[in-house]
Amino acid sequence: MIERRVPVGTVVVDALTEAEVVHQVRETWHNGGWILTANVDIVRAISRDRSLVELASSATLTVADGMPLVWAGRIAGSEIPERVTGSSLVHTLTAAAALDGRSVFLLGGAPGVAHRAAEVLQSRSPGLKIAGVAAPPVGFDQSEESLQPVIDSVVLAQPSLVLIGMGFPKQEKLIRRLREVMPNAWYVGCGAGIPMASGDSRRAPASMQKLGLEWLHRLAQEPRRLGRRYLKDDLPFAIALLAGAALRRVRR
């Protein structure tokens, strides 16, 4: 059971370790749910759009997929035990699914990426059941005609765990639609977790992750795509988030 929830900006983070998150999912396979992997970019987006506040608040679990969120909670006086990333949950939850005889659906990435990720995950977790993979084209969610076949393919496969790597809020909006017709599965919006699992993209070294510098590693890999987001948008927001946490601590 969740013991503590920590407000961080526009989200409320569940103060759980990754092992506790995995345990909770394993204890509730039949009930289903969904995990919001909140990072600075996601919290910033939510702060600008009230409809996203409602979407995020419907998550079963919200984890801190970003060290600034962990730091903000601690500065404000509430302990968030560790960072829990979507890219890491791809591995730990599929390993749990393999142990429990549950099946997994991988949704997202460029053509072929989800297939390669499935092969890697099966090699690491023998016996893992892959219910299906799909890489819908860009813009598939813009019309019901192209969205419905994607939903139908997942529902037909009846997986216990659905990993969706499409970026926020596209993946979360798809989770909402899927839960309407298949509520007894667990869903994770894992962002770049699928290409990272396949090896098409690489995570930062562990030392950079611990220092909260994984964003810098990704920026070096994709400067044109991520430069504006990380430097102009997310970095100032992260500073403001930490300053706000310090102010709340002082006011206490």
Protein backbone atom coordinates (compact mmCIF):
# COMPACT_ATOMS: atom_id res chain seq x y z
CA MET A 1 0.00 0.00 0.00
CA ILE A 2 1.07 3.59 -0.59
CA GLU A 3 2.15 5.19 2.68
CA ARG A 4 3.00 8.71 1.57
CA ARG A 5 2.35 11.08 -1.31
CA VAL A 6 4.52 14.12 -1.83
CA PRO A 7 3.33 17.25 -3.69
CA VAL A 8 5.92 18.41 -6.24
CA GLY A 9 4.80 21.28 -8.41
CA THR A 10 1.62 20.24 -10.20
CA VAL A 11 1.89 16.51 -9.43
CA VAL A 12 1.77 14.37 -6.31
CA VAL A 13 4.55 11.79 -6.24
CA ASP A 14 4.23 8.42 -4.54
CA ALA A 15 7.20 8.07 -2.18
CA LEU A 16 8.13 4.56 -3.26
CA THR A 17 11.31 2.81 -4.30
CA GLU A 18 11.35 1.06 -7.67
CA ALA A 19 11.22 -2.30 -5.89
CA GLU A 20 8.07 -1.16 -4.05
CA VAL A 21 6.47 -0.04 -7.31
CA VAL A 22 7.16 -3.42 -8.90
CA HIS A 23 5.82 -5.19 -5.80
CA GLN A 24 2.60 -3.19 -5.92
CA VAL A 25 2.07 -4.03 -9.59
CA ARG A 26 2.72 -7.73 -8.96
CA GLU A 27 0.20 -7.71 -6.11
CA THR A 28 -2.50 -6.14 -8.31
CA TRP A 29 -2.09 -7.66 -11.79
CA HIS A 30 -5.81 -8.44 -11.93
CA ASN A 31 -6.89 -4.98 -10.81
CA GLY A 32 -4.84 -3.03 -13.35
CA GLY A 33 -3.69 0.57 -13.15
CA TRP A 34 -1.29 3.01 -14.72
CA ILE A 35 1.99 4.63 -13.81
CA LEU A 36 2.85 8.24 -14.60
CA THR A 37 6.62 8.66 -14.87
CA ALA A 38 6.84 12.36 -14.06
CA ASN A 39 9.94 14.34 -14.98
CA VAL A 40 10.59 18.09 -15.16
CA ASP A 41 9.30 18.36 -18.72
CA ILE A 42 6.07 16.59 -17.81
CA VAL A 43 5.50 18.67 -14.66
CA ARG A 44 6.13 21.84 -16.70
CA ALA A 45 3.62 20.74 -19.35
CA ILE A 46 1.02 19.93 -16.70
CA SER A 47 1.49 23.34 -15.10
CA ARG A 48 0.49 25.00 -18.38
CA ASP A 49 -2.63 22.95 -19.20
CA ARG A 50 -5.50 22.30 -16.78
CA SER A 51 -6.72 19.31 -18.82
CA LEU A 52 -3.35 17.65 -18.23
CA VAL A 53 -3.74 18.19 -14.49
CA GLU A 54 -6.90 16.08 -14.63
CA LEU A 55 -5.19 13.45 -16.77
CA ALA A 56 -2.17 13.19 -14.45
CA SER A 57 -4.31 13.04 -11.32
CA SER A 58 -6.00 9.88 -12.61
CA ALA A 59 -2.74 7.89 -12.45
CA THR A 60 -2.69 4.96 -10.07
CA LEU A 61 0.94 5.66 -9.22
CA THR A 62 3.08 8.71 -9.97
CA VAL A 63 6.83 8.23 -9.71
CA ALA A 64 9.69 10.74 -9.82
CA ASP A 65 11.37 10.11 -13.16
CA GLY A 66 13.80 12.98 -12.66
CA MET A 67 16.21 13.94 -9.90
CA PRO A 68 14.89 17.53 -9.65
CA LEU A 69 11.57 16.09 -8.43
CA VAL A 70 13.39 13.98 -5.83
CA TRP A 71 15.40 17.01 -4.72
CA ALA A 72 12.33 19.26 -4.61
CA GLY A 73 10.54 16.82 -2.34
CA ARG A 74 13.53 16.54 -0.03
CA ILE A 75 14.13 20.30 0.07
CA ALA A 76 10.49 20.83 1.01
CA GLY A 77 10.95 18.35 3.84
CA SER A 78 9.32 15.24 2.37
CA GLU A 79 11.49 12.24 1.58
CA ILE A 80 11.20 10.71 -1.89
CA PRO A 81 13.44 7.65 -1.56
CA GLU A 82 14.78 7.47 -5.12
CA ARG A 83 14.30 8.25 -8.77
CA VAL A 84 12.12 5.69 -10.57
CA THR A 85 12.44 5.96 -14.35
CA GLY A 86 10.26 4.64 -17.11
CA SER A 87 13.32 3.26 -18.90
CA SER A 88 14.24 1.24 -15.81
CA LEU A 89 10.66 0.05 -15.19
CA VAL A 90 10.67 -1.42 -18.72
CA HIS A 91 13.19 -3.95 -17.44
CA THR A 92 12.03 -4.52 -13.86
CA LEU A 93 8.34 -4.84 -14.72
CA THR A 94 8.95 -7.18 -17.67
CA ALA A 95 11.16 -9.30 -15.42
CA ALA A 96 8.30 -9.42 -12.92
CA ALA A 97 5.85 -10.30 -15.70
CA ALA A 98 8.09 -13.19 -16.75
CA LEU A 99 8.24 -14.53 -13.19
CA ASP A 100 4.46 -14.31 -12.82
CA GLY A 101 3.57 -15.72 -16.25
CA ARG A 102 2.15 -12.41 -17.44
CA SER A 103 2.30 -11.06 -20.98
CA VAL A 104 3.58 -7.71 -22.25
CA PHE A 105 2.68 -5.47 -25.19
CA LEU A 106 5.23 -2.93 -26.48
CA LEU A 107 3.77 0.07 -28.25
CA GLY A 108 5.82 2.87 -29.79
CA GLY A 109 9.16 3.70 -31.33
CA ALA A 110 10.24 3.68 -34.95
CA PRO A 111 9.44 0.62 -37.09
CA GLY A 112 11.41 -2.38 -35.86
CA VAL A 113 12.43 -0.84 -32.54
CA ALA A 114 9.74 -2.52 -30.44
CA HIS A 115 10.58 -5.88 -32.04
CA ARG A 116 14.25 -5.48 -31.11
CA ALA A 117 13.33 -4.35 -27.61
CA ALA A 118 11.11 -7.43 -27.20
CA GLU A 119 14.01 -9.69 -28.21
CA VAL A 120 16.35 -8.02 -25.70
CA LEU A 121 13.81 -8.21 -22.89
CA GLN A 122 13.12 -11.89 -23.61
CA SER A 123 16.84 -12.64 -23.59
CA ARG A 124 17.13 -11.01 -20.17
CA SER A 125 13.96 -12.56 -18.77
CA PRO A 126 13.58 -16.11 -20.16
CA GLY A 127 9.96 -17.13 -20.50
CA LEU A 128 8.70 -13.60 -20.97
CA LYS A 129 5.52 -13.63 -23.02
CA ILE A 130 5.31 -10.90 -25.65
CA ALA A 131 1.63 -10.43 -26.46
CA GLY A 132 2.40 -8.04 -29.29
CA VAL A 133 4.37 -5.06 -30.57
CA ALA A 134 3.30 -2.08 -32.64
CA ALA A 135 4.86 1.08 -34.05
CA PRO A 136 1.98 3.32 -35.18
CA PRO A 137 2.92 6.06 -37.64
CA VAL A 138 3.31 9.66 -36.52
CA GLY A 139 -0.11 11.31 -36.28
CA PHE A 140 -2.06 8.07 -35.90
CA ASP A 141 -3.84 9.53 -32.88
CA GLN A 142 -5.21 12.49 -34.81
CA SER A 143 -8.19 10.59 -36.18
CA GLU A 144 -10.45 7.89 -34.82
CA GLU A 145 -10.02 5.95 -38.07
CA SER A 146 -6.29 5.42 -37.47
CA LEU A 147 -6.44 5.31 -33.65
CA GLN A 148 -9.06 2.61 -33.27
CA PRO A 149 -7.08 -0.17 -35.02
CA VAL A 150 -4.20 0.44 -32.60
CA ILE A 151 -6.54 0.16 -29.63
CA ASP A 152 -8.13 -2.96 -31.11
CA SER A 153 -4.75 -4.64 -31.60
CA VAL A 154 -3.86 -4.19 -27.93
CA VAL A 155 -7.25 -5.32 -26.67
CA LEU A 156 -7.16 -8.40 -28.91
CA ALA A 157 -3.77 -9.39 -27.43
CA GLN A 158 -5.07 -9.06 -23.82
CA PRO A 159 -1.69 -8.31 -22.20
CA SER A 160 -1.19 -7.83 -18.48
CA LEU A 161 1.32 -5.02 -19.02
CA VAL A 162 1.38 -2.40 -21.77
CA LEU A 163 4.52 -0.29 -22.25
CA ILE A 164 3.85 2.83 -24.32
CA GLY A 165 6.75 4.96 -25.51
CA MET A 166 5.37 7.97 -27.36
CA GLY A 167 6.15 10.93 -25.13
CA PHE A 168 3.89 12.96 -22.88
CA PRO A 169 0.96 13.50 -23.16
CA LYS A 170 0.34 11.33 -26.23
CA GLN A 171 1.15 8.09 -24.40
CA GLU A 172 -0.96 9.06 -21.38
CA LYS A 173 -3.95 9.99 -23.53
CA LEU A 174 -3.67 6.62 -25.25
CA ILE A 175 -3.52 4.93 -21.86
CA ARG A 176 -6.75 6.67 -20.92
CA ARG A 177 -8.45 5.33 -24.04
CA LEU A 178 -7.11 1.82 -23.53
CA ARG A 179 -8.20 1.71 -19.91
CA GLU A 180 -11.77 2.46 -20.97
CA VAL A 181 -11.93 -0.86 -22.82
CA MET A 182 -9.25 -2.88 -21.01
CA PRO A 183 -9.09 -1.71 -17.37
CA ASN A 184 -7.53 -4.86 -15.90
CA ALA A 185 -4.06 -4.31 -17.34
CA TRP A 186 -1.17 -2.21 -16.06
CA TYR A 187 0.12 0.61 -18.26
CA VAL A 188 3.36 2.57 -18.19
CA GLY A 189 4.15 5.63 -20.27
CA CYS A 190 7.85 4.95 -20.66
CA GLY A 191 8.95 7.68 -23.08
CA ALA A 192 12.26 6.65 -24.62
CA GLY A 193 12.30 3.40 -22.65
CA ILE A 194 11.57 1.19 -25.66
CA PRO A 195 14.44 2.41 -27.89
CA MET A 196 16.70 2.31 -24.83
CA ALA A 197 15.72 -1.31 -24.24
CA SER A 198 16.37 -2.17 -27.89
CA GLY A 199 19.79 -0.52 -27.85
CA ASP A 200 18.83 2.08 -30.45
CA SER A 201 19.34 4.72 -27.78
CA ARG A 202 21.70 4.58 -24.82
CA ARG A 203 21.18 5.68 -21.24
CA ALA A 204 23.68 7.88 -19.46
CA PRO A 205 26.33 6.25 -17.26
CA ALA A 206 25.13 5.44 -13.75
CA SER A 207 27.28 8.22 -12.29
CA MET A 208 25.50 10.83 -14.43
CA GLN A 209 22.12 9.38 -13.50
CA LYS A 210 22.86 9.70 -9.79
CA LEU A 211 23.96 13.31 -10.21
CA GLY A 212 20.79 14.19 -12.11
CA LEU A 213 22.70 14.75 -15.34
CA GLU A 214 21.04 12.20 -17.60
CA TRP A 215 19.38 15.08 -19.44
CA LEU A 216 22.84 16.35 -20.40
CA HIS A 217 23.71 12.96 -21.86
CA ARG A 218 20.52 12.93 -23.93
CA LEU A 219 21.10 16.52 -25.01
CA ALA A 220 24.53 15.53 -26.35
CA GLN A 221 22.89 12.69 -28.31
CA GLU A 222 20.06 14.79 -29.79
CA PRO A 223 20.99 18.49 -29.52
CA ARG A 224 18.69 19.74 -32.28
CA ARG A 225 15.59 17.98 -30.98
CA LEU A 226 16.18 18.50 -27.27
CA GLY A 227 18.18 21.74 -27.04
CA ARG A 228 15.27 24.16 -26.78
CA ARG A 229 13.25 21.89 -24.50
CA TYR A 230 16.04 21.23 -22.03
CA LEU A 231 17.86 24.55 -21.97
CA LYS A 232 15.18 27.16 -22.60
CA ASP A 233 12.14 25.47 -21.08
CA ASP A 234 13.07 22.74 -18.59
CA LEU A 235 16.20 24.15 -16.92
CA PRO A 236 14.59 27.43 -15.76
CA PHE A 237 11.48 25.51 -14.68
CA ALA A 238 13.62 23.07 -12.64
CA ILE A 239 15.35 25.97 -10.89
CA ALA A 240 11.98 27.54 -10.10
CA LEU A 241 10.68 24.18 -8.85
CA LEU A 242 13.58 23.85 -6.42
CA ALA A 243 13.27 27.47 -5.30
CA GLY A 244 9.56 26.95 -4.64
CA ALA A 245 10.33 23.85 -2.59
CA ALA A 246 12.85 25.82 -0.52
CA LEU A 247 10.27 28.55 0.07
CA ARG A 248 7.71 26.03 1.28
CA ARG A 249 10.30 24.63 3.69
CA VAL A 250 11.01 28.10 5.08
CA ARG A 251 7.30 28.85 5.51
CA ARG A 252 6.88 25.73 7.61
